[in-house]
Each structure stands twice: as C-alpha cells, then as structure tokens.
Amino acid sequence: MNTFKDINSLIPHRAPFLFVDALVVSSLKTQYHITPDSLFLTIPNFLEAGIFEHQAQSVAAIENYISYNENKTLHRGLLIQISEGNYYHQPILNDCLETTIQLVHKTLPFVKYHAQTFLNKVLVAESFLKIYQQEL
C-alpha cells in the first residue's frame, strides 16, 4: 500500500489540530490513527466532532494531493457547512479511521463533497461538506 505521509505539505493544520496521518495513494483515502494525545479524545471515546473535522481535513488533503500531482494551484478550504451528518459508530483510542470523498458539485469557489469514514471497513460516519476554496 503506497502512502503519502507529508500531510503538512498539503494542509495548514498542525498538531494538536491535525486529524490526517496519511493518504493512501492508490485509493485516494485518508487515514487517522487515534492516539492518546488526540484533541477530541475523551478516553476511550473519539468524539463525533473529531470525525467531522477529520473528514474536512481529508477533503483538503486529497484535493491538494491531486492538484499537486497535476501541477495545479493548491487551495485552502474553509469549511462552511456540514449537512446530513450521520454518526453510526463510536471509534476509540488506537482505532484507525479511513475516509473517502466524492465530489458532488463544484461551482467555484464553492465545492460540495460527500465524505464517508470507515473503521475496519464498517461505516462510522458520513456527511456532506460544503467548502469555500481559496488559492494559496
């Protein structure tokens, strides 16, 4: 599995507010390992807000990875709306979340994605994220 781990080159977030560890290149999905110092961890549970923040950062990381590889301008994404957020399962300490995104609609500077987060191939949460994109 080929992973891209230099997430800091793709998004401006830094610890303790960084919720993407790696990007799986072959499937364009992100990963986040829940560690004891995770900001949204109330041991042993990882809070719903942390999952939706992970989804928003996943959108930015995947979009910028694609732009970088196509020699296009990178963007800063500002989350402006989460809709139809559904939370199905409570991740805990040491779990590894994996998130995929699908473009729903693009009318720049606004972009809408459907994000799905999995734990061991079981759907944990999904939402629609509306992002305002700014060029860097």
C-alpha atoms as a PDB file:
ATOM      1  CA  MET A   1       0.000   0.000   0.000  1.00  0.00           C
ATOM      2  CA  ASN A   2       1.633   3.235  -1.183  1.00  0.00           C
ATOM      3  CA  THR A   3       1.027   6.039   1.325  1.00  0.00           C
ATOM      4  CA  PHE A   4       1.819   9.735   1.234  1.00  0.00           C
ATOM      5  CA  LYS A   5       2.732  10.927   4.736  1.00  0.00           C
ATOM      6  CA  ASP A   6       3.888  14.521   4.196  1.00  0.00           C
ATOM      7  CA  ILE A   7       0.411  15.825   5.050  1.00  0.00           C
ATOM      8  CA  ASN A   8       1.886  19.113   6.314  1.00  0.00           C
ATOM      9  CA  SER A   9       2.734  19.982   2.702  1.00  0.00           C
ATOM     10  CA  LEU A  10      -0.934  19.638   1.732  1.00  0.00           C
ATOM     11  CA  ILE A  11      -2.901  21.286   4.548  1.00  0.00           C
ATOM     12  CA  PRO A  12      -2.078  24.050   7.047  1.00  0.00           C
ATOM     13  CA  HIS A  13      -3.207  22.161  10.156  1.00  0.00           C
ATOM     14  CA  ARG A  14      -0.649  21.181  12.784  1.00  0.00           C
ATOM     15  CA  ALA A  15      -0.757  19.122  15.949  1.00  0.00           C
ATOM     16  CA  PRO A  16      -2.769  19.008  18.086  1.00  0.00           C
ATOM     17  CA  PHE A  17      -5.358  20.002  15.449  1.00  0.00           C
ATOM     18  CA  LEU A  18      -4.142  17.675  12.683  1.00  0.00           C
ATOM     19  CA  PHE A  19      -6.512  14.770  12.017  1.00  0.00           C
ATOM     20  CA  VAL A  20      -4.960  13.173   8.921  1.00  0.00           C
ATOM     21  CA  ASP A  21      -1.850  10.983   9.247  1.00  0.00           C
ATOM     22  CA  ALA A  22      -1.531   9.623   5.733  1.00  0.00           C
ATOM     23  CA  LEU A  23      -3.088   9.462   2.311  1.00  0.00           C
ATOM     24  CA  VAL A  24      -3.389   6.078   0.614  1.00  0.00           C
ATOM     25  CA  VAL A  25      -2.393   6.963  -2.939  1.00  0.00           C
ATOM     26  CA  SER A  26      -3.921   4.008  -4.794  1.00  0.00           C
ATOM     27  CA  SER A  27      -7.416   4.573  -3.399  1.00  0.00           C
ATOM     28  CA  LEU A  28      -7.233   8.303  -2.540  1.00  0.00           C
ATOM     29  CA  LYS A  29      -8.390   7.782   1.014  1.00  0.00           C
ATOM     30  CA  THR A  30      -7.001   9.303   4.185  1.00  0.00           C
ATOM     31  CA  GLN A  31      -6.094   7.677   7.465  1.00  0.00           C
ATOM     32  CA  TYR A  32      -6.075   8.930  11.032  1.00  0.00           C
ATOM     33  CA  HIS A  33      -4.800   6.885  13.957  1.00  0.00           C
ATOM     34  CA  ILE A  34      -6.459   7.908  17.230  1.00  0.00           C
ATOM     35  CA  THR A  35      -3.670   8.421  19.746  1.00  0.00           C
ATOM     36  CA  PRO A  36      -3.746   9.326  23.467  1.00  0.00           C
ATOM     37  CA  ASP A  37      -2.983  12.989  22.630  1.00  0.00           C
ATOM     38  CA  SER A  38      -5.871  13.348  20.135  1.00  0.00           C
ATOM     39  CA  LEU A  39      -7.675  16.608  20.803  1.00  0.00           C
ATOM     40  CA  PHE A  40     -11.187  15.125  20.502  1.00  0.00           C
ATOM     41  CA  LEU A  41     -10.447  12.067  22.649  1.00  0.00           C
ATOM     42  CA  THR A  42     -12.313  11.568  25.896  1.00  0.00           C
ATOM     43  CA  ILE A  43     -10.727   8.263  26.836  1.00  0.00           C
ATOM     44  CA  PRO A  44     -11.564   5.855  25.427  1.00  0.00           C
ATOM     45  CA  ASN A  45     -14.008   7.566  23.004  1.00  0.00           C
ATOM     46  CA  PHE A  46     -13.165   9.723  19.996  1.00  0.00           C
ATOM     47  CA  LEU A  47     -15.858  12.391  19.738  1.00  0.00           C
ATOM     48  CA  GLU A  48     -18.168  12.983  16.787  1.00  0.00           C
ATOM     49  CA  ALA A  49     -16.729  16.485  16.225  1.00  0.00           C
ATOM     50  CA  GLY A  50     -13.313  14.917  15.684  1.00  0.00           C
ATOM     51  CA  ILE A  51     -14.640  12.644  12.961  1.00  0.00           C
ATOM     52  CA  PHE A  52     -16.233  15.531  11.066  1.00  0.00           C
ATOM     53  CA  GLU A  53     -13.044  17.593  11.415  1.00  0.00           C
ATOM     54  CA  HIS A  54     -11.106  14.586  10.082  1.00  0.00           C
ATOM     55  CA  GLN A  55     -13.484  14.498   7.094  1.00  0.00           C
ATOM     56  CA  ALA A  56     -12.973  18.208   6.355  1.00  0.00           C
ATOM     57  CA  GLN A  57      -9.181  17.845   6.542  1.00  0.00           C
ATOM     58  CA  SER A  58      -9.435  14.762   4.322  1.00  0.00           C
ATOM     59  CA  VAL A  59     -11.152  16.830   1.627  1.00  0.00           C
ATOM     60  CA  ALA A  60      -8.339  19.390   1.727  1.00  0.00           C
ATOM     61  CA  ALA A  61      -5.565  16.781   1.757  1.00  0.00           C
ATOM     62  CA  ILE A  62      -6.977  14.755  -1.135  1.00  0.00           C
ATOM     63  CA  GLU A  63      -7.834  17.804  -3.256  1.00  0.00           C
ATOM     64  CA  ASN A  64      -4.382  19.319  -2.764  1.00  0.00           C
ATOM     65  CA  TYR A  65      -2.645  15.997  -3.419  1.00  0.00           C
ATOM     66  CA  ILE A  66      -4.450  15.756  -6.769  1.00  0.00           C
ATOM     67  CA  SER A  67      -3.688  19.412  -7.601  1.00  0.00           C
ATOM     68  CA  TYR A  68      -0.023  18.965  -6.660  1.00  0.00           C
ATOM     69  CA  ASN A  69       0.344  15.931  -8.938  1.00  0.00           C
ATOM     70  CA  GLU A  70      -1.341  17.772 -11.805  1.00  0.00           C
ATOM     71  CA  ASN A  71       0.904  20.854 -11.281  1.00  0.00           C
ATOM     72  CA  LYS A  72      -2.127  22.964 -10.390  1.00  0.00           C
ATOM     73  CA  THR A  73      -2.519  25.620  -7.715  1.00  0.00           C
ATOM     74  CA  LEU A  74      -3.115  24.357  -4.187  1.00  0.00           C
ATOM     75  CA  HIS A  75      -6.138  25.601  -2.257  1.00  0.00           C
ATOM     76  CA  ARG A  76      -7.055  26.370   1.300  1.00  0.00           C
ATOM     77  CA  GLY A  77     -10.502  25.020   2.050  1.00  0.00           C
ATOM     78  CA  LEU A  78     -12.712  26.774   4.558  1.00  0.00           C
ATOM     79  CA  LEU A  79     -15.492  24.565   5.861  1.00  0.00           C
ATOM     80  CA  ILE A  80     -18.746  26.498   5.692  1.00  0.00           C
ATOM     81  CA  GLN A  81     -21.360  23.790   6.175  1.00  0.00           C
ATOM     82  CA  ILE A  82     -21.801  20.203   7.304  1.00  0.00           C
ATOM     83  CA  SER A  83     -25.150  18.734   6.269  1.00  0.00           C
ATOM     84  CA  GLU A  84     -26.763  15.358   6.624  1.00  0.00           C
ATOM     85  CA  GLY A  85     -24.087  14.351   9.103  1.00  0.00           C
ATOM     86  CA  ASN A  86     -24.739  10.819  10.270  1.00  0.00           C
ATOM     87  CA  TYR A  87     -22.755   9.174  13.040  1.00  0.00           C
ATOM     88  CA  TYR A  88     -23.126   5.399  13.312  1.00  0.00           C
ATOM     89  CA  HIS A  89     -20.323   4.065  15.495  1.00  0.00           C
ATOM     90  CA  GLN A  90     -18.072   5.339  18.288  1.00  0.00           C
ATOM     91  CA  PRO A  91     -14.335   4.986  17.487  1.00  0.00           C
ATOM     92  CA  ILE A  92     -11.994   4.607  20.418  1.00  0.00           C
ATOM     93  CA  LEU A  93      -8.342   5.071  21.306  1.00  0.00           C
ATOM     94  CA  ASN A  94      -5.934   3.287  18.902  1.00  0.00           C
ATOM     95  CA  ASP A  95      -8.530   2.882  16.136  1.00  0.00           C
ATOM     96  CA  CYS A  96      -7.558   3.860  12.588  1.00  0.00           C
ATOM     97  CA  LEU A  97     -10.155   5.853  10.647  1.00  0.00           C
ATOM     98  CA  GLU A  98     -10.171   5.790   6.840  1.00  0.00           C
ATOM     99  CA  THR A  99     -12.075   8.388   4.836  1.00  0.00           C
ATOM    100  CA  THR A 100     -13.065   8.628   1.202  1.00  0.00           C
ATOM    101  CA  ILE A 101     -14.580  11.639  -0.534  1.00  0.00           C
ATOM    102  CA  GLN A 102     -16.691  12.070  -3.624  1.00  0.00           C
ATOM    103  CA  LEU A 103     -17.262  15.339  -5.449  1.00  0.00           C
ATOM    104  CA  VAL A 104     -20.967  16.211  -5.517  1.00  0.00           C
ATOM    105  CA  HIS A 105     -20.975  19.707  -7.002  1.00  0.00           C
ATOM    106  CA  LYS A 106     -18.410  22.329  -7.966  1.00  0.00           C
ATOM    107  CA  THR A 107     -19.206  25.978  -8.665  1.00  0.00           C
ATOM    108  CA  LEU A 108     -16.019  27.767  -7.681  1.00  0.00           C
ATOM    109  CA  PRO A 109     -15.252  28.992  -5.151  1.00  0.00           C
ATOM    110  CA  PHE A 110     -17.840  26.642  -3.568  1.00  0.00           C
ATOM    111  CA  VAL A 111     -17.401  22.865  -3.655  1.00  0.00           C
ATOM    112  CA  LYS A 112     -19.559  20.154  -2.094  1.00  0.00           C
ATOM    113  CA  TYR A 113     -18.300  16.678  -1.178  1.00  0.00           C
ATOM    114  CA  HIS A 114     -19.781  13.522   0.258  1.00  0.00           C
ATOM    115  CA  ALA A 115     -17.402  12.089   2.859  1.00  0.00           C
ATOM    116  CA  GLN A 116     -17.548   8.601   4.340  1.00  0.00           C
ATOM    117  CA  THR A 117     -15.427   7.448   7.257  1.00  0.00           C
ATOM    118  CA  PHE A 118     -14.791   3.771   7.956  1.00  0.00           C
ATOM    119  CA  LEU A 119     -13.301   1.701  10.757  1.00  0.00           C
ATOM    120  CA  ASN A 120     -12.277  -1.810   9.675  1.00  0.00           C
ATOM    121  CA  LYS A 121     -14.432  -1.374   6.547  1.00  0.00           C
ATOM    122  CA  VAL A 122     -17.518  -0.549   8.665  1.00  0.00           C
ATOM    123  CA  LEU A 123     -19.120   2.857   8.041  1.00  0.00           C
ATOM    124  CA  VAL A 124     -18.615   5.074  11.103  1.00  0.00           C
ATOM    125  CA  ALA A 125     -19.915   8.416   9.809  1.00  0.00           C
ATOM    126  CA  GLU A 126     -20.840  10.240   6.640  1.00  0.00           C
ATOM    127  CA  SER A 127     -21.669  13.806   5.763  1.00  0.00           C
ATOM    128  CA  PHE A 128     -21.905  16.391   3.019  1.00  0.00           C
ATOM    129  CA  LEU A 129     -19.285  19.133   3.354  1.00  0.00           C
ATOM    130  CA  LYS A 130     -19.565  22.493   1.645  1.00  0.00           C
ATOM    131  CA  ILE A 131     -16.147  24.111   1.241  1.00  0.00           C
ATOM    132  CA  TYR A 132     -15.095  27.604   0.191  1.00  0.00           C
ATOM    133  CA  GLN A 133     -11.811  27.261  -1.723  1.00  0.00           C
ATOM    134  CA  GLN A 134      -9.101  29.943  -1.817  1.00  0.00           C
ATOM    135  CA  GLU A 135      -5.944  29.700  -3.862  1.00  0.00           C
ATOM    136  CA  LEU A 136      -2.723  29.633  -1.864  1.00  0.00           C
END
